[in-house]
Structures are given as structure tokens and as C-alpha cells.
Amino acid sequence: MNATTTIASTARPPPREAGSLSPWALTWRRFRRHRVAVVALHALAVFYTLALGAEFFAPHSREWRDLSHAYCPPQLPRVSLAHGLFVPAMRRLIDPVTFKKSYVEDETHPVALGFFVSGESYTLWGFIHSDRHFFGVEDPAQECYFFGADKYGRDLCSRMIYGSRISLSVGLVAIAVTFLLGVTIGGVSGYVGGAVDNVIQRAIEIINSFPHLPLWLALGAVLPPDWSPLATYFAITIVLALLGWTNLARVVRGKILALREEDYATAARLIGASHTRILFRHLLPGFTSHIIVVLTMSVPAMILGETSLSFLGLGLRPPIVSWGVMLQDCLSIQTVANYPWLLMPVVMIVLTVLSFNFLGDGLRDAADPYATR
């Protein structure tokens, strides 16, 4: 062994053996081997970052509009040596006979693009005042629609970024309520057993027997139309949570039934620990990873539920901007055929749902770090 090898071996600590790692460390190490799940995790991080900083990342505000550019088609950024990063300006044409509007690209008038450009003033998170936007046109007098415009000339790209704040947060808020109901009711059902367990399980079966979409529609239809947007938002969240906790409750019940007779649970009872402490301090932490997996797999259902209700006009309503509310413009097949870019929110919904599903698959594979492949 030469001197270089000796120095390298002393400077670099030896890798830790699997038996010396904590369960969470083993879970994380196994999760990193699932490449698709890691990519999905990074994609969701990007989506939620856009949602948190919507005012900064969106080129315009959610209600900014220009009626002279109604149904303007998407303008994809281009790069050239002469103009740098730009998009061609759009020139509107009106047919003198049918009065149909159309747009053509005007290559002679490029619209320069840039990062950290000046634009509309905004207040980020209630206390950061600025007019800088992450990406947009360098000249505020010019306009650009990266994903196209709707019938009111509103920028779809900006509205999708603002809509992600509502659509993505609905899933997280509903999951918080689902976690509270599922863990509490499922834990009591599995730990107490007997008649209490029978009553809870029969109630879960009754709830699961209802078709969710018609039930969502019925509950969404009874919401008063004069409610404020904030009240409607929380009402939709509660509706989704009240129908989504049953799967988690059954998972928790099954795990509690398997763990309540373990030696450490019996020892805790013998030393006088209360039932609440045994359930929430000793039993539930033993399968926290499984709970996380179930919650992760439930988020897409919550997002799709909000999108379905809002799309049918029974959920969130304007002026709230969500992906489901934006899709209300796609109720007409003729409109979609003429202006297919109005379906851009569908792309974000599909990417988000797939990312959560891939993330859930990776977490499920890593939930038991001691299992062999």
C-alpha cells in the first residue's frame, strides 16, 4: 500500500453498514435507488415552488387581460443570433366576410424575452413588494402568450401558475384532515376491537359503497352560491376529506391489529401506560412510512376531485383560479376544436397525478427497508 492510498483511506470514512443505519436512513437510501420516484419528487418540488411564488414566476397577474388578443395562440420562445431569446409578435387578422379572427406571426417585429424583467407590481407572501418577474418580455409595452390566451385575452401561462396554488393546496389540506380522521378512527378500531371495531368497519363499508363522483356532485351542489371564495374552498376541501379517509383507516386498523400484541405493547400496558399513549406513542410510529405512502397515493384523488367539481361548475367558482375552473372554458367541443391550447391545464393535472403516483410507488418500495428485492 503506497502513501496515496493510505491518505485516501484515512481521509474518507468507510461506508456505514446497513445494520447501523436508522430505519428512516434505510428508507431514504432505498428510495434514492428508485430513479423514477426521485424524478417525480423533483417535479413536484418544482410545481409547489411555482405555486408558492406565483406572483414572481407568473408573467402577468391572474386577471390581466387584453381583449384585442382574445384566443391568441401560444407563442413559443425562440433563439437566434440576431435577436437572442425572443418570440415573433402576433398580428390579428379579421375576415371581412365572416368576421372570423385569426393570428399570424410577424417575424419583422420580434418580442425580446429575458429573465428577472420588470412588469406589474405585486406583493409576494403579503410583505415582499416588487415588480420583478422571473421570466417575461423585456419591454412592458409588448405582449407575449407562452401558452396562448382565453376568450378574454388572459394569459393562460400566468393563470395556470396561479391556479396551481389552489389545485395543489386542496390536496394537501384535504390530506391533513384525512390523516387526522384515518389515524384516529382506524387506530381506535384496531386497538379496541370488538363491537367498536364492527361498528366502525360497517360505517366504512357504507361510505365506500357510495359512488364518489355522484356524491361529490351532490355535496357540491348544496353549497350556497353566495358563499365567499374562501368559504367555498374550505368546504370543497372538507368534502374531499370526508370521503377519502376510509382507506387510511383500514390500513391503520390492520397494522394495529398486528402490533397490539407485540412484547413492547404488552410491556407498556404492564407498567401502567394509558391506552392513548400505547396507541399513539408506541404503535403508530412503528408504521409511519406506510401511512406516508397511503397519504401520498391519496393526493391525486383529491386533486382530481376538486378538478371534477370545478369543471362542472359545482366546486370552486370565478374569481378563484384553479385548473378545474380554467377547464370550464372547454365545455364546448367546438371551442376545444378551434382553440386546443385551452386544454393546457390538463397537461399540468396529468403531470401532477403521475408524479404523485410515481412518488407513491417509490415510497411503497422503500417503506420496508429490511426487505430484499
Protein backbone atom coordinates (compact mmCIF):
# COMPACT_ATOMS: atom_id res chain seq x y z
CA MET A 1 0.00 0.00 0.00
CA ASN A 2 1.52 3.32 -1.06
CA ALA A 3 1.25 6.68 0.70
CA THR A 4 -1.52 7.98 -1.56
CA THR A 5 -3.75 5.01 -0.80
CA THR A 6 -3.06 5.37 2.92
CA ILE A 7 -4.00 9.08 2.93
CA ALA A 8 -7.19 8.42 0.92
CA SER A 9 -8.28 5.60 3.19
CA THR A 10 -7.77 7.71 6.30
CA ALA A 11 -9.43 10.84 4.86
CA ARG A 12 -12.54 9.09 3.54
CA PRO A 13 -14.70 7.46 6.23
CA PRO A 14 -15.78 3.91 5.45
CA PRO A 15 -19.42 3.48 4.33
CA ARG A 16 -21.80 2.69 7.12
CA GLU A 17 -23.20 -0.79 7.21
CA ALA A 18 -26.92 -1.22 6.65
CA GLY A 19 -27.36 -2.66 10.13
CA SER A 20 -26.05 0.53 11.74
CA LEU A 21 -28.45 2.86 9.92
CA SER A 22 -31.75 4.04 11.35
CA PRO A 23 -35.00 2.88 9.69
CA TRP A 24 -35.50 6.34 8.16
CA ALA A 25 -31.95 6.34 6.76
CA LEU A 26 -32.51 2.90 5.25
CA THR A 27 -35.79 4.04 3.75
CA TRP A 28 -34.18 7.12 2.20
CA ARG A 29 -31.27 5.09 0.80
CA ARG A 30 -33.63 2.63 -0.83
CA PHE A 31 -35.87 5.41 -2.14
CA ARG A 32 -32.93 7.07 -3.92
CA ARG A 33 -32.45 3.92 -5.98
CA HIS A 34 -35.93 4.39 -7.47
CA ARG A 35 -34.97 6.84 -10.22
CA VAL A 36 -38.48 7.49 -11.50
CA ALA A 37 -39.67 8.31 -7.98
CA VAL A 38 -36.75 10.70 -7.47
CA VAL A 39 -37.58 12.48 -10.74
CA ALA A 40 -41.22 12.69 -9.64
CA LEU A 41 -40.14 14.18 -6.30
CA HIS A 42 -38.13 16.87 -8.07
CA ALA A 43 -41.04 17.59 -10.44
CA LEU A 44 -43.42 18.07 -7.51
CA ALA A 45 -40.85 20.32 -5.84
CA VAL A 46 -40.85 22.49 -8.98
CA PHE A 47 -44.67 22.60 -9.10
CA TYR A 48 -45.01 23.61 -5.46
CA THR A 49 -42.22 26.18 -5.81
CA LEU A 50 -44.15 27.76 -8.69
CA ALA A 51 -47.29 27.74 -6.57
CA LEU A 52 -45.58 29.38 -3.58
CA GLY A 53 -44.02 32.11 -5.73
CA ALA A 54 -46.83 32.52 -8.26
CA GLU A 55 -46.60 36.32 -8.27
CA PHE A 56 -42.88 36.14 -9.07
CA PHE A 57 -42.96 33.34 -11.63
CA ALA A 58 -46.13 34.37 -13.49
CA PRO A 59 -45.54 36.91 -16.31
CA HIS A 60 -48.83 38.67 -15.50
CA SER A 61 -51.42 38.81 -12.74
CA ARG A 62 -54.28 36.33 -12.72
CA GLU A 63 -56.85 38.85 -14.02
CA TRP A 64 -54.63 40.70 -16.50
CA ARG A 65 -56.29 40.78 -19.91
CA ASP A 66 -56.15 42.27 -23.38
CA LEU A 67 -59.36 41.79 -25.35
CA SER A 68 -57.58 42.63 -28.59
CA HIS A 69 -55.69 39.33 -28.26
CA ALA A 70 -58.61 37.03 -27.40
CA TYR A 71 -57.83 33.40 -28.24
CA CYS A 72 -54.29 34.29 -29.22
CA PRO A 73 -52.39 31.03 -29.98
CA PRO A 74 -49.30 30.01 -27.99
CA GLN A 75 -46.05 31.83 -28.69
CA LEU A 76 -43.10 29.51 -28.11
CA PRO A 77 -39.74 31.13 -27.27
CA ARG A 78 -37.04 31.01 -29.94
CA VAL A 79 -33.33 31.74 -30.04
CA SER A 80 -31.39 33.43 -32.82
CA LEU A 81 -28.04 35.17 -33.16
CA ALA A 82 -29.67 38.37 -34.35
CA HIS A 83 -32.41 38.71 -31.71
CA GLY A 84 -31.33 36.42 -28.89
CA LEU A 85 -34.22 34.94 -26.92
CA PHE A 86 -37.48 36.15 -28.46
CA VAL A 87 -40.93 35.33 -29.82
CA PRO A 88 -42.43 36.75 -33.01
CA ALA A 89 -45.16 39.31 -32.49
CA MET A 90 -48.71 38.17 -33.27
CA ARG A 91 -50.76 40.17 -35.77
CA ARG A 92 -54.54 39.76 -35.71
CA LEU A 93 -56.48 39.41 -38.93
CA ILE A 94 -60.26 39.68 -39.32
CA ASP A 95 -62.02 38.08 -42.27
CA PRO A 96 -64.13 40.81 -43.94
CA VAL A 97 -66.89 38.32 -44.83
CA THR A 98 -67.17 36.00 -41.81
CA PHE A 99 -65.53 38.37 -39.29
CA LYS A 100 -63.54 35.40 -38.02
CA LYS A 101 -60.39 36.37 -36.15
CA SER A 102 -57.05 34.74 -36.86
CA TYR A 103 -53.43 35.42 -35.98
CA VAL A 104 -50.22 35.31 -37.99
CA GLU A 105 -46.65 35.64 -36.79
CA ASP A 106 -44.89 38.87 -37.67
CA GLU A 107 -41.21 37.95 -37.99
CA THR A 108 -40.27 41.59 -38.55
CA HIS A 109 -41.27 42.56 -35.01
CA PRO A 110 -39.56 40.23 -32.53
CA VAL A 111 -40.53 40.45 -28.87
CA ALA A 112 -37.39 40.21 -26.75
CA LEU A 113 -37.54 37.92 -23.70
CA GLY A 114 -35.42 37.90 -20.58
CA PHE A 115 -35.07 36.80 -17.00
CA PHE A 116 -35.85 38.98 -13.96
CA VAL A 117 -37.65 41.56 -16.09
CA SER A 118 -39.76 44.46 -14.88
CA GLY A 119 -43.54 44.12 -15.04
CA GLU A 120 -46.67 44.51 -12.97
CA SER A 121 -46.16 45.31 -9.30
CA TYR A 122 -47.15 42.65 -6.77
CA THR A 123 -46.86 41.72 -3.11
CA LEU A 124 -45.37 38.29 -2.51
CA TRP A 125 -46.50 36.48 0.67
CA GLY A 126 -48.05 39.69 1.95
CA PHE A 127 -44.87 41.62 2.72
CA ILE A 128 -42.44 41.45 -0.26
CA HIS A 129 -43.19 44.29 -2.69
CA SER A 130 -41.60 44.06 -6.12
CA ASP A 131 -42.19 44.39 -9.86
CA ARG A 132 -39.61 41.81 -10.95
CA HIS A 133 -40.78 38.65 -12.68
CA PHE A 134 -38.72 35.52 -13.23
CA PHE A 135 -39.29 35.39 -17.00
CA GLY A 136 -41.14 37.57 -19.46
CA VAL A 137 -40.89 40.32 -22.07
CA GLU A 138 -38.18 42.92 -21.60
CA ASP A 139 -40.41 45.74 -22.89
CA PRO A 140 -43.58 46.01 -20.75
CA ALA A 141 -45.35 47.68 -23.69
CA GLN A 142 -45.14 44.43 -25.68
CA GLU A 143 -47.12 41.25 -25.02
CA CYS A 144 -46.44 37.54 -25.16
CA TYR A 145 -48.65 34.50 -24.52
CA PHE A 146 -46.47 31.44 -23.95
CA PHE A 147 -49.46 29.05 -23.62
CA GLY A 148 -51.96 31.18 -25.51
CA ALA A 149 -54.88 33.29 -24.34
CA ASP A 150 -58.51 32.61 -23.47
CA LYS A 151 -61.66 34.34 -24.72
CA TYR A 152 -60.98 37.39 -22.55
CA GLY A 153 -57.36 37.74 -23.67
CA ARG A 154 -55.98 36.49 -20.34
CA ASP A 155 -52.59 34.80 -20.29
CA LEU A 156 -53.05 31.05 -19.76
CA CYS A 157 -49.48 30.59 -18.54
CA SER A 158 -49.96 33.08 -15.71
CA ARG A 159 -53.36 31.70 -14.78
CA MET A 160 -52.02 28.14 -14.70
CA ILE A 161 -49.28 29.18 -12.30
CA TYR A 162 -51.79 30.95 -10.05
CA GLY A 163 -54.19 28.02 -10.39
CA SER A 164 -51.53 25.59 -9.16
CA ARG A 165 -51.65 27.33 -5.79
CA ILE A 166 -55.30 26.34 -5.32
CA SER A 167 -55.30 22.94 -7.02
CA LEU A 168 -52.15 21.69 -5.28
CA SER A 169 -53.05 23.08 -1.86
CA VAL A 170 -56.51 21.46 -1.94
CA GLY A 171 -54.81 18.05 -1.96
CA LEU A 172 -52.53 18.91 0.96
CA VAL A 173 -55.25 20.44 3.14
CA ALA A 174 -57.60 17.54 2.44
CA ILE A 175 -54.82 15.07 3.26
CA ALA A 176 -54.28 16.77 6.63
CA VAL A 177 -57.95 16.20 7.50
CA THR A 178 -57.76 12.67 6.08
CA PHE A 179 -54.73 11.93 8.25
CA LEU A 180 -56.49 13.12 11.40
CA LEU A 181 -59.65 11.10 10.73
CA GLY A 182 -57.98 7.99 9.33
CA VAL A 183 -55.32 7.60 12.01
CA THR A 184 -57.68 8.34 14.91
CA ILE A 185 -60.67 6.24 13.78
CA GLY A 186 -58.55 3.42 12.34
CA GLY A 187 -56.33 3.31 15.43
CA VAL A 188 -59.31 3.12 17.80
CA SER A 189 -60.93 0.44 15.63
CA GLY A 190 -57.86 -1.79 15.62
CA TYR A 191 -56.82 -1.23 19.24
CA VAL A 192 -60.22 -1.53 20.95
CA GLY A 193 -61.70 -4.22 18.70
CA GLY A 194 -64.97 -5.96 19.49
CA ALA A 195 -68.24 -4.14 18.95
CA VAL A 196 -66.49 -0.80 18.39
CA ASP A 197 -64.43 -2.32 15.59
CA ASN A 198 -67.54 -3.84 13.99
CA VAL A 199 -69.46 -0.55 14.05
CA ILE A 200 -66.55 1.42 12.56
CA GLN A 201 -65.89 -1.14 9.82
CA ARG A 202 -69.55 -1.28 8.83
CA ALA A 203 -69.63 2.52 8.67
CA ILE A 204 -66.54 2.48 6.43
CA GLU A 205 -68.20 -0.07 4.14
CA ILE A 206 -71.31 2.11 3.87
CA ILE A 207 -69.21 5.16 2.96
CA ASN A 208 -67.23 3.19 0.38
CA SER A 209 -70.41 1.82 -1.18
CA PHE A 210 -71.44 5.27 -2.42
CA PRO A 211 -70.10 6.19 -5.89
CA HIS A 212 -67.75 9.05 -5.18
CA LEU A 213 -68.31 11.23 -8.24
CA PRO A 214 -72.13 11.48 -7.92
CA LEU A 215 -71.72 12.01 -4.18
CA TRP A 216 -69.19 14.79 -4.83
CA LEU A 217 -71.64 16.37 -7.25
CA ALA A 218 -74.49 16.16 -4.74
CA LEU A 219 -72.45 17.67 -1.92
CA GLY A 220 -71.01 20.34 -4.20
CA ALA A 221 -74.49 21.29 -5.44
CA VAL A 222 -75.74 22.04 -1.92
CA LEU A 223 -73.04 24.66 -1.33
CA PRO A 224 -74.68 28.11 -1.16
CA PRO A 225 -73.81 30.15 -4.26
CA ASP A 226 -73.40 33.31 -2.17
CA TRP A 227 -70.52 31.91 -0.13
CA SER A 228 -67.21 33.69 -0.35
CA PRO A 229 -64.44 32.06 -2.42
CA LEU A 230 -62.52 31.23 0.76
CA ALA A 231 -65.53 29.51 2.35
CA THR A 232 -66.16 27.53 -0.84
CA TYR A 233 -62.52 26.48 -0.95
CA PHE A 234 -62.57 25.06 2.57
CA ALA A 235 -65.97 23.45 2.00
CA ILE A 236 -64.67 21.58 -1.05
CA THR A 237 -61.61 20.53 0.96
CA ILE A 238 -63.75 19.12 3.77
CA VAL A 239 -65.99 17.30 1.27
CA LEU A 240 -62.99 15.60 -0.31
CA ALA A 241 -61.52 14.69 3.09
CA LEU A 242 -64.75 13.20 4.44
CA LEU A 243 -64.80 10.75 1.54
CA GLY A 244 -61.10 9.94 1.45
CA TRP A 245 -60.17 8.84 4.97
CA THR A 246 -61.55 5.29 4.81
CA ASN A 247 -58.58 3.69 3.03
CA LEU A 248 -56.13 5.10 5.53
CA ALA A 249 -58.33 3.98 8.43
CA ARG A 250 -58.30 0.40 7.16
CA VAL A 251 -54.52 0.42 6.74
CA VAL A 252 -54.05 1.74 10.27
CA ARG A 253 -56.52 -0.80 11.68
CA GLY A 254 -54.71 -3.72 10.04
CA LYS A 255 -51.33 -2.61 11.34
CA ILE A 256 -52.66 -2.00 14.85
CA LEU A 257 -54.20 -5.48 14.93
CA ALA A 258 -50.80 -6.95 14.05
CA LEU A 259 -48.80 -4.86 16.55
CA ARG A 260 -51.02 -4.58 19.62
CA GLU A 261 -49.95 -7.99 20.93
CA GLU A 262 -46.22 -7.37 20.46
CA ASP A 263 -43.96 -7.60 23.50
CA TYR A 264 -43.29 -3.88 23.71
CA ALA A 265 -47.02 -3.09 23.68
CA THR A 266 -47.68 -5.68 26.40
CA ALA A 267 -44.80 -4.29 28.46
CA ALA A 268 -46.21 -0.77 28.16
CA ARG A 269 -49.58 -1.97 29.44
CA LEU A 270 -47.97 -3.79 32.37
CA ILE A 271 -46.12 -0.70 33.56
CA GLY A 272 -49.38 1.25 33.58
CA ALA A 273 -49.21 3.23 30.33
CA SER A 274 -52.56 4.61 29.21
CA HIS A 275 -54.28 3.28 26.13
CA THR A 276 -53.83 6.63 24.38
CA ARG A 277 -50.08 6.58 25.00
CA ILE A 278 -49.73 2.97 23.85
CA LEU A 279 -51.66 3.70 20.65
CA PHE A 280 -50.09 6.99 19.64
CA ARG A 281 -46.66 6.72 21.26
CA HIS A 282 -45.75 3.05 20.76
CA LEU A 283 -47.89 1.52 18.00
CA LEU A 284 -48.44 4.22 15.36
CA PRO A 285 -44.74 5.21 14.99
CA GLY A 286 -44.00 1.61 14.02
CA PHE A 287 -45.57 2.01 10.57
CA THR A 288 -45.31 5.74 9.89
CA SER A 289 -43.76 5.03 6.49
CA HIS A 290 -46.85 3.05 5.43
CA ILE A 291 -49.08 5.95 6.47
CA ILE A 292 -46.99 8.35 4.38
CA VAL A 293 -47.33 6.05 1.37
CA VAL A 294 -51.13 5.89 1.67
CA LEU A 295 -51.38 9.66 2.06
CA THR A 296 -49.13 10.26 -0.94
CA MET A 297 -51.23 7.96 -3.11
CA SER A 298 -54.40 9.75 -1.96
CA VAL A 299 -53.36 13.27 -3.03
CA PRO A 300 -54.08 12.68 -6.77
CA ALA A 301 -57.64 11.62 -5.94
CA MET A 302 -58.15 14.86 -4.01
CA ILE A 303 -56.80 16.97 -6.88
CA LEU A 304 -58.95 15.15 -9.45
CA GLY A 305 -61.99 15.54 -7.20
CA GLU A 306 -61.54 19.30 -6.98
CA THR A 307 -60.93 19.49 -10.73
CA SER A 308 -64.09 17.49 -11.49
CA LEU A 309 -66.30 19.61 -9.24
CA SER A 310 -64.88 22.90 -10.51
CA PHE A 311 -65.06 21.78 -14.15
CA LEU A 312 -68.77 21.00 -13.76
CA GLY A 313 -69.40 24.33 -12.02
CA LEU A 314 -70.22 22.75 -8.64
CA GLY A 315 -66.91 23.42 -6.90
CA LEU A 316 -64.73 26.49 -6.94
CA ARG A 317 -66.03 29.39 -8.98
CA PRO A 318 -64.52 32.54 -10.52
CA PRO A 319 -62.84 34.79 -9.49
CA ILE A 320 -60.91 31.90 -7.90
CA VAL A 321 -58.40 30.50 -10.36
CA SER A 322 -57.75 26.76 -10.31
CA TRP A 323 -57.07 24.21 -13.02
CA GLY A 324 -60.64 22.96 -12.79
CA VAL A 325 -62.06 26.49 -13.07
CA MET A 326 -59.89 27.14 -16.14
CA LEU A 327 -61.25 23.99 -17.79
CA GLN A 328 -64.78 25.41 -17.66
CA ASP A 329 -63.89 27.13 -20.95
CA CYS A 330 -63.58 23.65 -22.52
CA LEU A 331 -67.20 22.59 -22.02
CA SER A 332 -67.86 23.24 -25.71
CA ILE A 333 -66.38 20.73 -28.13
CA GLN A 334 -66.33 23.36 -30.87
CA THR A 335 -64.29 25.70 -28.69
CA VAL A 336 -61.76 22.96 -27.94
CA ALA A 337 -61.53 22.06 -31.64
CA ASN A 338 -60.80 25.67 -32.60
CA TYR A 339 -58.61 26.58 -29.62
CA PRO A 340 -56.94 23.38 -28.35
CA TRP A 341 -54.47 25.30 -26.16
CA LEU A 342 -57.30 25.86 -23.68
CA LEU A 343 -56.63 22.26 -22.58
CA MET A 344 -53.18 23.18 -21.22
CA PRO A 345 -54.35 22.76 -17.59
CA VAL A 346 -54.98 19.10 -18.42
CA VAL A 347 -51.26 18.70 -19.07
CA MET A 348 -50.44 20.05 -15.61
CA ILE A 349 -53.06 17.82 -13.99
CA VAL A 350 -51.69 14.71 -15.75
CA LEU A 351 -48.09 15.55 -14.82
CA THR A 352 -49.03 16.18 -11.19
CA VAL A 353 -51.07 13.00 -10.83
CA LEU A 354 -48.36 10.89 -12.48
CA SER A 355 -45.70 12.46 -10.26
CA PHE A 356 -47.65 11.65 -7.11
CA ASN A 357 -48.27 8.09 -8.32
CA PHE A 358 -44.60 7.50 -9.14
CA LEU A 359 -43.60 9.04 -5.82
CA GLY A 360 -46.04 6.76 -4.01
CA ASP A 361 -44.65 3.72 -5.81
CA GLY A 362 -41.14 4.65 -4.76
CA LEU A 363 -42.17 5.23 -1.16
CA ARG A 364 -44.06 1.94 -1.12
CA ASP A 365 -40.99 0.06 -2.31
CA ALA A 366 -38.83 1.81 0.30
CA ALA A 367 -41.35 1.53 3.16
CA ASP A 368 -39.82 -1.74 4.34
CA PRO A 369 -36.05 -1.07 4.21
CA TYR A 370 -35.20 -4.52 5.55
CA ALA A 371 -36.96 -6.38 2.72
CA THR A 372 -34.87 -7.81 -0.11
CA ARG A 373 -35.56 -7.12 -3.76
